mmCIF file of all heavy atoms, coordinates in Angstrom:
data_MODEL
# 
_entry.id   MODEL 
# 
loop_
_atom_site.group_PDB 
_atom_site.id 
_atom_site.type_symbol 
_atom_site.label_atom_id 
_atom_site.label_alt_id 
_atom_site.label_comp_id 
_atom_site.label_asym_id 
_atom_site.label_entity_id 
_atom_site.label_seq_id 
_atom_site.pdbx_PDB_ins_code 
_atom_site.Cartn_x 
_atom_site.Cartn_y 
_atom_site.Cartn_z 
_atom_site.occupancy 
_atom_site.B_iso_or_equiv 
_atom_site.pdbx_formal_charge 
_atom_site.auth_seq_id 
_atom_site.auth_comp_id 
_atom_site.auth_asym_id 
_atom_site.auth_atom_id 
_atom_site.pdbx_PDB_model_num 
ATOM 1   N N   . ALA A 1 1  ? 25.515 9.904   -4.301 1.00 0.00 ? 1  ALA A N   1 
ATOM 2   C CA  . ALA A 1 1  ? 26.513 10.818  -4.864 1.00 0.00 ? 1  ALA A CA  1 
ATOM 3   C C   . ALA A 1 1  ? 26.008 11.515  -6.117 1.00 0.00 ? 1  ALA A C   1 
ATOM 4   O O   . ALA A 1 1  ? 26.328 12.685  -6.361 1.00 0.00 ? 1  ALA A O   1 
ATOM 5   C CB  . ALA A 1 1  ? 27.795 10.047  -5.179 1.00 0.00 ? 1  ALA A CB  1 
ATOM 6   N N   . SER A 1 2  ? 25.192 10.834  -6.923 1.00 0.00 ? 2  SER A N   1 
ATOM 7   C CA  . SER A 1 2  ? 24.771 11.414  -8.199 1.00 0.00 ? 2  SER A CA  1 
ATOM 8   C C   . SER A 1 2  ? 23.465 12.181  -8.106 1.00 0.00 ? 2  SER A C   1 
ATOM 9   O O   . SER A 1 2  ? 23.249 13.130  -8.858 1.00 0.00 ? 2  SER A O   1 
ATOM 10  C CB  . SER A 1 2  ? 24.636 10.312  -9.257 1.00 0.00 ? 2  SER A CB  1 
ATOM 11  O OG  . SER A 1 2  ? 23.614 9.403   -8.900 1.00 0.00 ? 2  SER A OG  1 
ATOM 12  N N   . SER A 1 3  ? 22.569 11.787  -7.191 1.00 0.00 ? 3  SER A N   1 
ATOM 13  C CA  . SER A 1 3  ? 21.231 12.378  -7.162 1.00 0.00 ? 3  SER A CA  1 
ATOM 14  C C   . SER A 1 3  ? 20.852 13.038  -5.851 1.00 0.00 ? 3  SER A C   1 
ATOM 15  O O   . SER A 1 3  ? 19.839 13.725  -5.791 1.00 0.00 ? 3  SER A O   1 
ATOM 16  C CB  . SER A 1 3  ? 20.180 11.298  -7.497 1.00 0.00 ? 3  SER A CB  1 
ATOM 17  O OG  . SER A 1 3  ? 20.415 10.758  -8.770 1.00 0.00 ? 3  SER A OG  1 
ATOM 18  N N   . GLY A 1 4  ? 21.609 12.812  -4.789 1.00 0.00 ? 4  GLY A N   1 
ATOM 19  C CA  . GLY A 1 4  ? 21.338 13.486  -3.531 1.00 0.00 ? 4  GLY A CA  1 
ATOM 20  C C   . GLY A 1 4  ? 20.400 12.734  -2.609 1.00 0.00 ? 4  GLY A C   1 
ATOM 21  O O   . GLY A 1 4  ? 19.712 11.791  -3.008 1.00 0.00 ? 4  GLY A O   1 
ATOM 22  N N   . ALA A 1 5  ? 20.373 13.178  -1.362 1.00 0.00 ? 5  ALA A N   1 
ATOM 23  C CA  . ALA A 1 5  ? 19.617 12.493  -0.319 1.00 0.00 ? 5  ALA A CA  1 
ATOM 24  C C   . ALA A 1 5  ? 18.108 12.583  -0.539 1.00 0.00 ? 5  ALA A C   1 
ATOM 25  O O   . ALA A 1 5  ? 17.366 11.653  -0.229 1.00 0.00 ? 5  ALA A O   1 
ATOM 26  C CB  . ALA A 1 5  ? 19.983 13.069  1.045  1.00 0.00 ? 5  ALA A CB  1 
ATOM 27  N N   . VAL A 1 6  ? 17.636 13.723  -1.075 1.00 0.00 ? 6  VAL A N   1 
ATOM 28  C CA  . VAL A 1 6  ? 16.191 13.892  -1.260 1.00 0.00 ? 6  VAL A CA  1 
ATOM 29  C C   . VAL A 1 6  ? 15.665 12.892  -2.278 1.00 0.00 ? 6  VAL A C   1 
ATOM 30  O O   . VAL A 1 6  ? 14.649 12.227  -2.062 1.00 0.00 ? 6  VAL A O   1 
ATOM 31  C CB  . VAL A 1 6  ? 15.865 15.335  -1.698 1.00 0.00 ? 6  VAL A CB  1 
ATOM 32  C CG1 . VAL A 1 6  ? 14.388 15.455  -2.044 1.00 0.00 ? 6  VAL A CG1 1 
ATOM 33  C CG2 . VAL A 1 6  ? 16.222 16.315  -0.594 1.00 0.00 ? 6  VAL A CG2 1 
ATOM 34  N N   . ASN A 1 7  ? 16.366 12.762  -3.395 1.00 0.00 ? 7  ASN A N   1 
ATOM 35  C CA  . ASN A 1 7  ? 15.907 11.836  -4.425 1.00 0.00 ? 7  ASN A CA  1 
ATOM 36  C C   . ASN A 1 7  ? 16.006 10.384  -3.982 1.00 0.00 ? 7  ASN A C   1 
ATOM 37  O O   . ASN A 1 7  ? 15.122 9.579   -4.284 1.00 0.00 ? 7  ASN A O   1 
ATOM 38  C CB  . ASN A 1 7  ? 16.714 12.039  -5.721 1.00 0.00 ? 7  ASN A CB  1 
ATOM 39  C CG  . ASN A 1 7  ? 16.274 13.270  -6.478 1.00 0.00 ? 7  ASN A CG  1 
ATOM 40  O OD1 . ASN A 1 7  ? 15.086 13.566  -6.550 1.00 0.00 ? 7  ASN A OD1 1 
ATOM 41  N ND2 . ASN A 1 7  ? 17.222 14.011  -7.027 1.00 0.00 ? 7  ASN A ND2 1 
ATOM 42  N N   . ILE A 1 8  ? 17.063 10.038  -3.271 1.00 0.00 ? 8  ILE A N   1 
ATOM 43  C CA  . ILE A 1 8  ? 17.211 8.644   -2.870 1.00 0.00 ? 8  ILE A CA  1 
ATOM 44  C C   . ILE A 1 8  ? 16.177 8.253   -1.820 1.00 0.00 ? 8  ILE A C   1 
ATOM 45  O O   . ILE A 1 8  ? 15.868 7.079   -1.642 1.00 0.00 ? 8  ILE A O   1 
ATOM 46  C CB  . ILE A 1 8  ? 18.642 8.351   -2.357 1.00 0.00 ? 8  ILE A CB  1 
ATOM 47  C CG1 . ILE A 1 8  ? 18.924 6.851   -2.488 1.00 0.00 ? 8  ILE A CG1 1 
ATOM 48  C CG2 . ILE A 1 8  ? 18.834 8.825   -0.930 1.00 0.00 ? 8  ILE A CG2 1 
ATOM 49  C CD1 . ILE A 1 8  ? 20.358 6.484   -2.215 1.00 0.00 ? 8  ILE A CD1 1 
ATOM 50  N N   . SER A 1 9  ? 15.613 9.246   -1.134 1.00 0.00 ? 9  SER A N   1 
ATOM 51  C CA  . SER A 1 9  ? 14.582 8.932   -0.137 1.00 0.00 ? 9  SER A CA  1 
ATOM 52  C C   . SER A 1 9  ? 13.340 8.325   -0.792 1.00 0.00 ? 9  SER A C   1 
ATOM 53  O O   . SER A 1 9  ? 12.519 7.707   -0.116 1.00 0.00 ? 9  SER A O   1 
ATOM 54  C CB  . SER A 1 9  ? 14.195 10.189  0.647  1.00 0.00 ? 9  SER A CB  1 
ATOM 55  O OG  . SER A 1 9  ? 13.533 11.118  -0.194 1.00 0.00 ? 9  SER A OG  1 
ATOM 56  N N   . LEU A 1 10 ? 13.205 8.487   -2.119 1.00 0.00 ? 10 LEU A N   1 
ATOM 57  C CA  . LEU A 1 10 ? 12.073 7.897   -2.831 1.00 0.00 ? 10 LEU A CA  1 
ATOM 58  C C   . LEU A 1 10 ? 12.068 6.372   -2.749 1.00 0.00 ? 10 LEU A C   1 
ATOM 59  O O   . LEU A 1 10 ? 11.020 5.740   -2.931 1.00 0.00 ? 10 LEU A O   1 
ATOM 60  C CB  . LEU A 1 10 ? 12.104 8.319   -4.308 1.00 0.00 ? 10 LEU A CB  1 
ATOM 61  C CG  . LEU A 1 10 ? 11.805 9.786   -4.614 1.00 0.00 ? 10 LEU A CG  1 
ATOM 62  C CD1 . LEU A 1 10 ? 12.083 10.093  -6.065 1.00 0.00 ? 10 LEU A CD1 1 
ATOM 63  C CD2 . LEU A 1 10 ? 10.375 10.128  -4.260 1.00 0.00 ? 10 LEU A CD2 1 
ATOM 64  N N   . VAL A 1 11 ? 13.229 5.776   -2.462 1.00 0.00 ? 11 VAL A N   1 
ATOM 65  C CA  . VAL A 1 11 ? 13.285 4.316   -2.363 1.00 0.00 ? 11 VAL A CA  1 
ATOM 66  C C   . VAL A 1 11 ? 12.367 3.803   -1.254 1.00 0.00 ? 11 VAL A C   1 
ATOM 67  O O   . VAL A 1 11 ? 11.893 2.672   -1.300 1.00 0.00 ? 11 VAL A O   1 
ATOM 68  C CB  . VAL A 1 11 ? 14.742 3.851   -2.143 1.00 0.00 ? 11 VAL A CB  1 
ATOM 69  C CG1 . VAL A 1 11 ? 15.195 4.096   -0.713 1.00 0.00 ? 11 VAL A CG1 1 
ATOM 70  C CG2 . VAL A 1 11 ? 14.890 2.380   -2.502 1.00 0.00 ? 11 VAL A CG2 1 
ATOM 71  N N   . THR A 1 12 ? 12.103 4.666   -0.261 1.00 0.00 ? 12 THR A N   1 
ATOM 72  C CA  . THR A 1 12 ? 11.223 4.275   0.841  1.00 0.00 ? 12 THR A CA  1 
ATOM 73  C C   . THR A 1 12 ? 9.833  3.911   0.337  1.00 0.00 ? 12 THR A C   1 
ATOM 74  O O   . THR A 1 12 ? 9.172  3.035   0.896  1.00 0.00 ? 12 THR A O   1 
ATOM 75  C CB  . THR A 1 12 ? 11.113 5.429   1.862  1.00 0.00 ? 12 THR A CB  1 
ATOM 76  O OG1 . THR A 1 12 ? 12.421 5.861   2.216  1.00 0.00 ? 12 THR A OG1 1 
ATOM 77  C CG2 . THR A 1 12 ? 10.382 4.990   3.111  1.00 0.00 ? 12 THR A CG2 1 
ATOM 78  N N   . PHE A 1 13 ? 9.376  4.585   -0.714 1.00 0.00 ? 13 PHE A N   1 
ATOM 79  C CA  . PHE A 1 13 ? 8.059  4.296   -1.279 1.00 0.00 ? 13 PHE A CA  1 
ATOM 80  C C   . PHE A 1 13 ? 8.046  2.965   -2.026 1.00 0.00 ? 13 PHE A C   1 
ATOM 81  O O   . PHE A 1 13 ? 7.006  2.320   -2.129 1.00 0.00 ? 13 PHE A O   1 
ATOM 82  C CB  . PHE A 1 13 ? 7.643  5.393   -2.270 1.00 0.00 ? 13 PHE A CB  1 
ATOM 83  C CG  . PHE A 1 13 ? 7.569  6.765   -1.680 1.00 0.00 ? 13 PHE A CG  1 
ATOM 84  C CD1 . PHE A 1 13 ? 8.630  7.639   -1.789 1.00 0.00 ? 13 PHE A CD1 1 
ATOM 85  C CD2 . PHE A 1 13 ? 6.432  7.193   -1.009 1.00 0.00 ? 13 PHE A CD2 1 
ATOM 86  C CE1 . PHE A 1 13 ? 8.571  8.907   -1.255 1.00 0.00 ? 13 PHE A CE1 1 
ATOM 87  C CE2 . PHE A 1 13 ? 6.369  8.460   -0.476 1.00 0.00 ? 13 PHE A CE2 1 
ATOM 88  C CZ  . PHE A 1 13 ? 7.428  9.328   -0.596 1.00 0.00 ? 13 PHE A CZ  1 
ATOM 89  N N   . LEU A 1 14 ? 9.206  2.576   -2.569 1.00 0.00 ? 14 LEU A N   1 
ATOM 90  C CA  . LEU A 1 14 ? 9.259  1.453   -3.493 1.00 0.00 ? 14 LEU A CA  1 
ATOM 91  C C   . LEU A 1 14 ? 9.560  0.117   -2.829 1.00 0.00 ? 14 LEU A C   1 
ATOM 92  O O   . LEU A 1 14 ? 9.142  -0.925  -3.331 1.00 0.00 ? 14 LEU A O   1 
ATOM 93  C CB  . LEU A 1 14 ? 10.324 1.736   -4.570 1.00 0.00 ? 14 LEU A CB  1 
ATOM 94  C CG  . LEU A 1 14 ? 10.120 3.011   -5.392 1.00 0.00 ? 14 LEU A CG  1 
ATOM 95  C CD1 . LEU A 1 14 ? 11.316 3.254   -6.301 1.00 0.00 ? 14 LEU A CD1 1 
ATOM 96  C CD2 . LEU A 1 14 ? 8.839  2.917   -6.211 1.00 0.00 ? 14 LEU A CD2 1 
ATOM 97  N N   . VAL A 1 15 ? 10.297 0.138   -1.713 1.00 0.00 ? 15 VAL A N   1 
ATOM 98  C CA  . VAL A 1 15 ? 10.703 -1.119  -1.070 1.00 0.00 ? 15 VAL A CA  1 
ATOM 99  C C   . VAL A 1 15 ? 9.515  -2.004  -0.699 1.00 0.00 ? 15 VAL A C   1 
ATOM 100 O O   . VAL A 1 15 ? 9.517  -3.211  -1.002 1.00 0.00 ? 15 VAL A O   1 
ATOM 101 C CB  . VAL A 1 15 ? 11.589 -0.841  0.161  1.00 0.00 ? 15 VAL A CB  1 
ATOM 102 C CG1 . VAL A 1 15 ? 11.753 -2.100  1.012  1.00 0.00 ? 15 VAL A CG1 1 
ATOM 103 C CG2 . VAL A 1 15 ? 12.960 -0.340  -0.282 1.00 0.00 ? 15 VAL A CG2 1 
ATOM 104 N N   . PRO A 1 16 ? 8.455  -1.472  -0.036 1.00 0.00 ? 16 PRO A N   1 
ATOM 105 C CA  . PRO A 1 16 ? 7.326  -2.363  0.295  1.00 0.00 ? 16 PRO A CA  1 
ATOM 106 C C   . PRO A 1 16 ? 6.669  -2.982  -0.932 1.00 0.00 ? 16 PRO A C   1 
ATOM 107 O O   . PRO A 1 16 ? 6.166  -4.111  -0.860 1.00 0.00 ? 16 PRO A O   1 
ATOM 108 C CB  . PRO A 1 16 ? 6.351  -1.429  1.031  1.00 0.00 ? 16 PRO A CB  1 
ATOM 109 C CG  . PRO A 1 16 ? 7.199  -0.327  1.550  1.00 0.00 ? 16 PRO A CG  1 
ATOM 110 C CD  . PRO A 1 16 ? 8.256  -0.126  0.509  1.00 0.00 ? 16 PRO A CD  1 
ATOM 111 N N   . ILE A 1 17 ? 6.677  -2.249  -2.053 1.00 0.00 ? 17 ILE A N   1 
ATOM 112 C CA  . ILE A 1 17 ? 6.035  -2.781  -3.258 1.00 0.00 ? 17 ILE A CA  1 
ATOM 113 C C   . ILE A 1 17 ? 6.741  -4.053  -3.714 1.00 0.00 ? 17 ILE A C   1 
ATOM 114 O O   . ILE A 1 17 ? 6.107  -5.088  -3.976 1.00 0.00 ? 17 ILE A O   1 
ATOM 115 C CB  . ILE A 1 17 ? 6.032  -1.722  -4.376 1.00 0.00 ? 17 ILE A CB  1 
ATOM 116 C CG1 . ILE A 1 17 ? 5.205  -0.507  -3.954 1.00 0.00 ? 17 ILE A CG1 1 
ATOM 117 C CG2 . ILE A 1 17 ? 5.499  -2.320  -5.678 1.00 0.00 ? 17 ILE A CG2 1 
ATOM 118 C CD1 . ILE A 1 17 ? 5.278  0.646   -4.931 1.00 0.00 ? 17 ILE A CD1 1 
ATOM 119 N N   . SER A 1 18 ? 8.077  -3.996  -3.807 1.00 0.00 ? 18 SER A N   1 
ATOM 120 C CA  . SER A 1 18 ? 8.812  -5.178  -4.255 1.00 0.00 ? 18 SER A CA  1 
ATOM 121 C C   . SER A 1 18 ? 8.745  -6.291  -3.221 1.00 0.00 ? 18 SER A C   1 
ATOM 122 O O   . SER A 1 18 ? 8.628  -7.473  -3.577 1.00 0.00 ? 18 SER A O   1 
ATOM 123 C CB  . SER A 1 18 ? 10.275 -4.811  -4.552 1.00 0.00 ? 18 SER A CB  1 
ATOM 124 O OG  . SER A 1 18 ? 10.896 -4.235  -3.419 1.00 0.00 ? 18 SER A OG  1 
ATOM 125 N N   . ALA A 1 19 ? 8.797  -5.932  -1.926 1.00 0.00 ? 19 ALA A N   1 
ATOM 126 C CA  . ALA A 1 19 ? 8.725  -6.962  -0.877 1.00 0.00 ? 19 ALA A CA  1 
ATOM 127 C C   . ALA A 1 19 ? 7.374  -7.656  -0.878 1.00 0.00 ? 19 ALA A C   1 
ATOM 128 O O   . ALA A 1 19 ? 7.284  -8.886  -0.764 1.00 0.00 ? 19 ALA A O   1 
ATOM 129 C CB  . ALA A 1 19 ? 9.002  -6.332  0.490  1.00 0.00 ? 19 ALA A CB  1 
ATOM 130 N N   . ILE A 1 20 ? 6.302  -6.882  -1.003 1.00 0.00 ? 20 ILE A N   1 
ATOM 131 C CA  . ILE A 1 20 ? 4.955  -7.464  -1.025 1.00 0.00 ? 20 ILE A CA  1 
ATOM 132 C C   . ILE A 1 20 ? 4.777  -8.329  -2.269 1.00 0.00 ? 20 ILE A C   1 
ATOM 133 O O   . ILE A 1 20 ? 4.213  -9.436  -2.203 1.00 0.00 ? 20 ILE A O   1 
ATOM 134 C CB  . ILE A 1 20 ? 3.895  -6.347  -0.987 1.00 0.00 ? 20 ILE A CB  1 
ATOM 135 C CG1 . ILE A 1 20 ? 3.911  -5.665  0.387  1.00 0.00 ? 20 ILE A CG1 1 
ATOM 136 C CG2 . ILE A 1 20 ? 2.506  -6.891  -1.286 1.00 0.00 ? 20 ILE A CG2 1 
ATOM 137 C CD1 . ILE A 1 20 ? 3.115  -4.373  0.426  1.00 0.00 ? 20 ILE A CD1 1 
ATOM 138 N N   . PHE A 1 21 ? 5.255  -7.856  -3.410 1.00 0.00 ? 21 PHE A N   1 
ATOM 139 C CA  . PHE A 1 21 ? 5.128  -8.622  -4.656 1.00 0.00 ? 21 PHE A CA  1 
ATOM 140 C C   . PHE A 1 21 ? 5.832  -9.973  -4.539 1.00 0.00 ? 21 PHE A C   1 
ATOM 141 O O   . PHE A 1 21 ? 5.263  -11.022 -4.873 1.00 0.00 ? 21 PHE A O   1 
ATOM 142 C CB  . PHE A 1 21 ? 5.713  -7.818  -5.821 1.00 0.00 ? 21 PHE A CB  1 
ATOM 143 C CG  . PHE A 1 21 ? 5.737  -8.569  -7.125 1.00 0.00 ? 21 PHE A CG  1 
ATOM 144 C CD1 . PHE A 1 21 ? 4.590  -8.697  -7.890 1.00 0.00 ? 21 PHE A CD1 1 
ATOM 145 C CD2 . PHE A 1 21 ? 6.913  -9.158  -7.578 1.00 0.00 ? 21 PHE A CD2 1 
ATOM 146 C CE1 . PHE A 1 21 ? 4.614  -9.398  -9.087 1.00 0.00 ? 21 PHE A CE1 1 
ATOM 147 C CE2 . PHE A 1 21 ? 6.938  -9.856  -8.773 1.00 0.00 ? 21 PHE A CE2 1 
ATOM 148 C CZ  . PHE A 1 21 ? 5.785  -9.975  -9.535 1.00 0.00 ? 21 PHE A CZ  1 
ATOM 149 N N   . LEU A 1 22 ? 7.086  -9.965  -4.048 1.00 0.00 ? 22 LEU A N   1 
ATOM 150 C CA  . LEU A 1 22 ? 7.827  -11.216 -3.904 1.00 0.00 ? 22 LEU A CA  1 
ATOM 151 C C   . LEU A 1 22 ? 7.164  -12.143 -2.889 1.00 0.00 ? 22 LEU A C   1 
ATOM 152 O O   . LEU A 1 22 ? 7.108  -13.360 -3.089 1.00 0.00 ? 22 LEU A O   1 
ATOM 153 C CB  . LEU A 1 22 ? 9.271  -10.924 -3.482 1.00 0.00 ? 22 LEU A CB  1 
ATOM 154 C CG  . LEU A 1 22 ? 10.163 -10.259 -4.534 1.00 0.00 ? 22 LEU A CG  1 
ATOM 155 C CD1 . LEU A 1 22 ? 11.473 -9.813  -3.921 1.00 0.00 ? 22 LEU A CD1 1 
ATOM 156 C CD2 . LEU A 1 22 ? 10.428 -11.211 -5.694 1.00 0.00 ? 22 LEU A CD2 1 
ATOM 157 N N   . GLY A 1 23 ? 6.667  -11.553 -1.795 1.00 0.00 ? 23 GLY A N   1 
ATOM 158 C CA  . GLY A 1 23 ? 6.027  -12.357 -0.764 1.00 0.00 ? 23 GLY A CA  1 
ATOM 159 C C   . GLY A 1 23 ? 4.763  -13.029 -1.253 1.00 0.00 ? 23 GLY A C   1 
ATOM 160 O O   . GLY A 1 23 ? 4.510  -14.202 -0.957 1.00 0.00 ? 23 GLY A O   1 
ATOM 161 N N   . ILE A 1 24 ? 3.958  -12.301 -2.010 1.00 0.00 ? 24 ILE A N   1 
ATOM 162 C CA  . ILE A 1 24 ? 2.694  -12.858 -2.502 1.00 0.00 ? 24 ILE A CA  1 
ATOM 163 C C   . ILE A 1 24 ? 2.925  -13.881 -3.603 1.00 0.00 ? 24 ILE A C   1 
ATOM 164 O O   . ILE A 1 24 ? 2.347  -14.972 -3.606 1.00 0.00 ? 24 ILE A O   1 
ATOM 165 C CB  . ILE A 1 24 ? 1.776  -11.725 -2.998 1.00 0.00 ? 24 ILE A CB  1 
ATOM 166 C CG1 . ILE A 1 24 ? 1.303  -10.869 -1.813 1.00 0.00 ? 24 ILE A CG1 1 
ATOM 167 C CG2 . ILE A 1 24 ? 0.578  -12.292 -3.755 1.00 0.00 ? 24 ILE A CG2 1 
ATOM 168 C CD1 . ILE A 1 24 ? 0.507  -9.651  -2.214 1.00 0.00 ? 24 ILE A CD1 1 
ATOM 169 N N   . VAL A 1 25 ? 3.818  -13.557 -4.551 1.00 0.00 ? 25 VAL A N   1 
ATOM 170 C CA  . VAL A 1 25 ? 4.021  -14.423 -5.715 1.00 0.00 ? 25 VAL A CA  1 
ATOM 171 C C   . VAL A 1 25 ? 4.792  -15.688 -5.355 1.00 0.00 ? 25 VAL A C   1 
ATOM 172 O O   . VAL A 1 25 ? 4.444  -16.791 -5.814 1.00 0.00 ? 25 VAL A O   1 
ATOM 173 C CB  . VAL A 1 25 ? 4.759  -13.640 -6.830 1.00 0.00 ? 25 VAL A CB  1 
ATOM 174 C CG1 . VAL A 1 25 ? 5.153  -14.573 -7.966 1.00 0.00 ? 25 VAL A CG1 1 
ATOM 175 C CG2 . VAL A 1 25 ? 3.875  -12.520 -7.349 1.00 0.00 ? 25 VAL A CG2 1 
ATOM 176 N N   . ILE A 1 26 ? 5.829  -15.553 -4.516 1.00 0.00 ? 26 ILE A N   1 
ATOM 177 C CA  . ILE A 1 26 ? 6.715  -16.696 -4.263 1.00 0.00 ? 26 ILE A CA  1 
ATOM 178 C C   . ILE A 1 26 ? 6.423  -17.378 -2.931 1.00 0.00 ? 26 ILE A C   1 
ATOM 179 O O   . ILE A 1 26 ? 6.438  -18.608 -2.841 1.00 0.00 ? 26 ILE A O   1 
ATOM 180 C CB  . ILE A 1 26 ? 8.194  -16.253 -4.331 1.00 0.00 ? 26 ILE A CB  1 
ATOM 181 C CG1 . ILE A 1 26 ? 8.485  -15.637 -5.712 1.00 0.00 ? 26 ILE A CG1 1 
ATOM 182 C CG2 . ILE A 1 26 ? 9.128  -17.433 -4.076 1.00 0.00 ? 26 ILE A CG2 1 
ATOM 183 C CD1 . ILE A 1 26 ? 9.886  -15.120 -5.869 1.00 0.00 ? 26 ILE A CD1 1 
ATOM 184 N N   . LEU A 1 27 ? 6.155  -16.588 -1.881 1.00 0.00 ? 27 LEU A N   1 
ATOM 185 C CA  . LEU A 1 27 ? 5.953  -17.170 -0.556 1.00 0.00 ? 27 LEU A CA  1 
ATOM 186 C C   . LEU A 1 27 ? 4.485  -17.407 -0.234 1.00 0.00 ? 27 LEU A C   1 
ATOM 187 O O   . LEU A 1 27 ? 4.167  -17.869 0.862  1.00 0.00 ? 27 LEU A O   1 
ATOM 188 C CB  . LEU A 1 27 ? 6.574  -16.257 0.516  1.00 0.00 ? 27 LEU A CB  1 
ATOM 189 C CG  . LEU A 1 27 ? 8.089  -16.024 0.403  1.00 0.00 ? 27 LEU A CG  1 
ATOM 190 C CD1 . LEU A 1 27 ? 8.564  -15.103 1.519  1.00 0.00 ? 27 LEU A CD1 1 
ATOM 191 C CD2 . LEU A 1 27 ? 8.840  -17.352 0.451  1.00 0.00 ? 27 LEU A CD2 1 
ATOM 192 N N   . ASP A 1 28 ? 3.591  -17.050 -1.152 1.00 0.00 ? 28 ASP A N   1 
ATOM 193 C CA  . ASP A 1 28 ? 2.155  -17.267 -0.969 1.00 0.00 ? 28 ASP A CA  1 
ATOM 194 C C   . ASP A 1 28 ? 1.618  -16.547 0.268  1.00 0.00 ? 28 ASP A C   1 
ATOM 195 O O   . ASP A 1 28 ? 0.781  -17.057 1.002  1.00 0.00 ? 28 ASP A O   1 
ATOM 196 C CB  . ASP A 1 28 ? 1.850  -18.765 -0.873 1.00 0.00 ? 28 ASP A CB  1 
ATOM 197 C CG  . ASP A 1 28 ? 0.370  -19.074 -1.127 1.00 0.00 ? 28 ASP A CG  1 
ATOM 198 O OD1 . ASP A 1 28 ? -0.265 -18.295 -1.856 1.00 0.00 ? 28 ASP A OD1 1 
ATOM 199 O OD2 . ASP A 1 28 ? -0.140 -20.065 -0.580 1.00 0.00 ? 28 ASP A OD2 1 
ATOM 200 N N   . GLU A 1 29 ? 2.129  -15.337 0.502  1.00 0.00 ? 29 GLU A N   1 
ATOM 201 C CA  . GLU A 1 29 ? 1.674  -14.542 1.636  1.00 0.00 ? 29 GLU A CA  1 
ATOM 202 C C   . GLU A 1 29 ? 0.446  -13.724 1.247  1.00 0.00 ? 29 GLU A C   1 
ATOM 203 O O   . GLU A 1 29 ? 0.167  -13.510 0.061  1.00 0.00 ? 29 GLU A O   1 
ATOM 204 C CB  . GLU A 1 29 ? 2.790  -13.597 2.115  1.00 0.00 ? 29 GLU A CB  1 
ATOM 205 C CG  . GLU A 1 29 ? 4.004  -14.323 2.674  1.00 0.00 ? 29 GLU A CG  1 
ATOM 206 C CD  . GLU A 1 29 ? 5.110  -13.363 3.066  1.00 0.00 ? 29 GLU A CD  1 
ATOM 207 O OE1 . GLU A 1 29 ? 5.057  -12.186 2.637  1.00 0.00 ? 29 GLU A OE1 1 
ATOM 208 O OE2 . GLU A 1 29 ? 6.021  -13.784 3.771  1.00 0.00 ? 29 GLU A OE2 1 
# 
């Protein structure tokens, strides 16, 4: 609602980063 669909699509770039970080640090992947 505040930033629009184009800006929110940037989350696609960021999700793997946080998932990979959590997986490596906590799950030892």
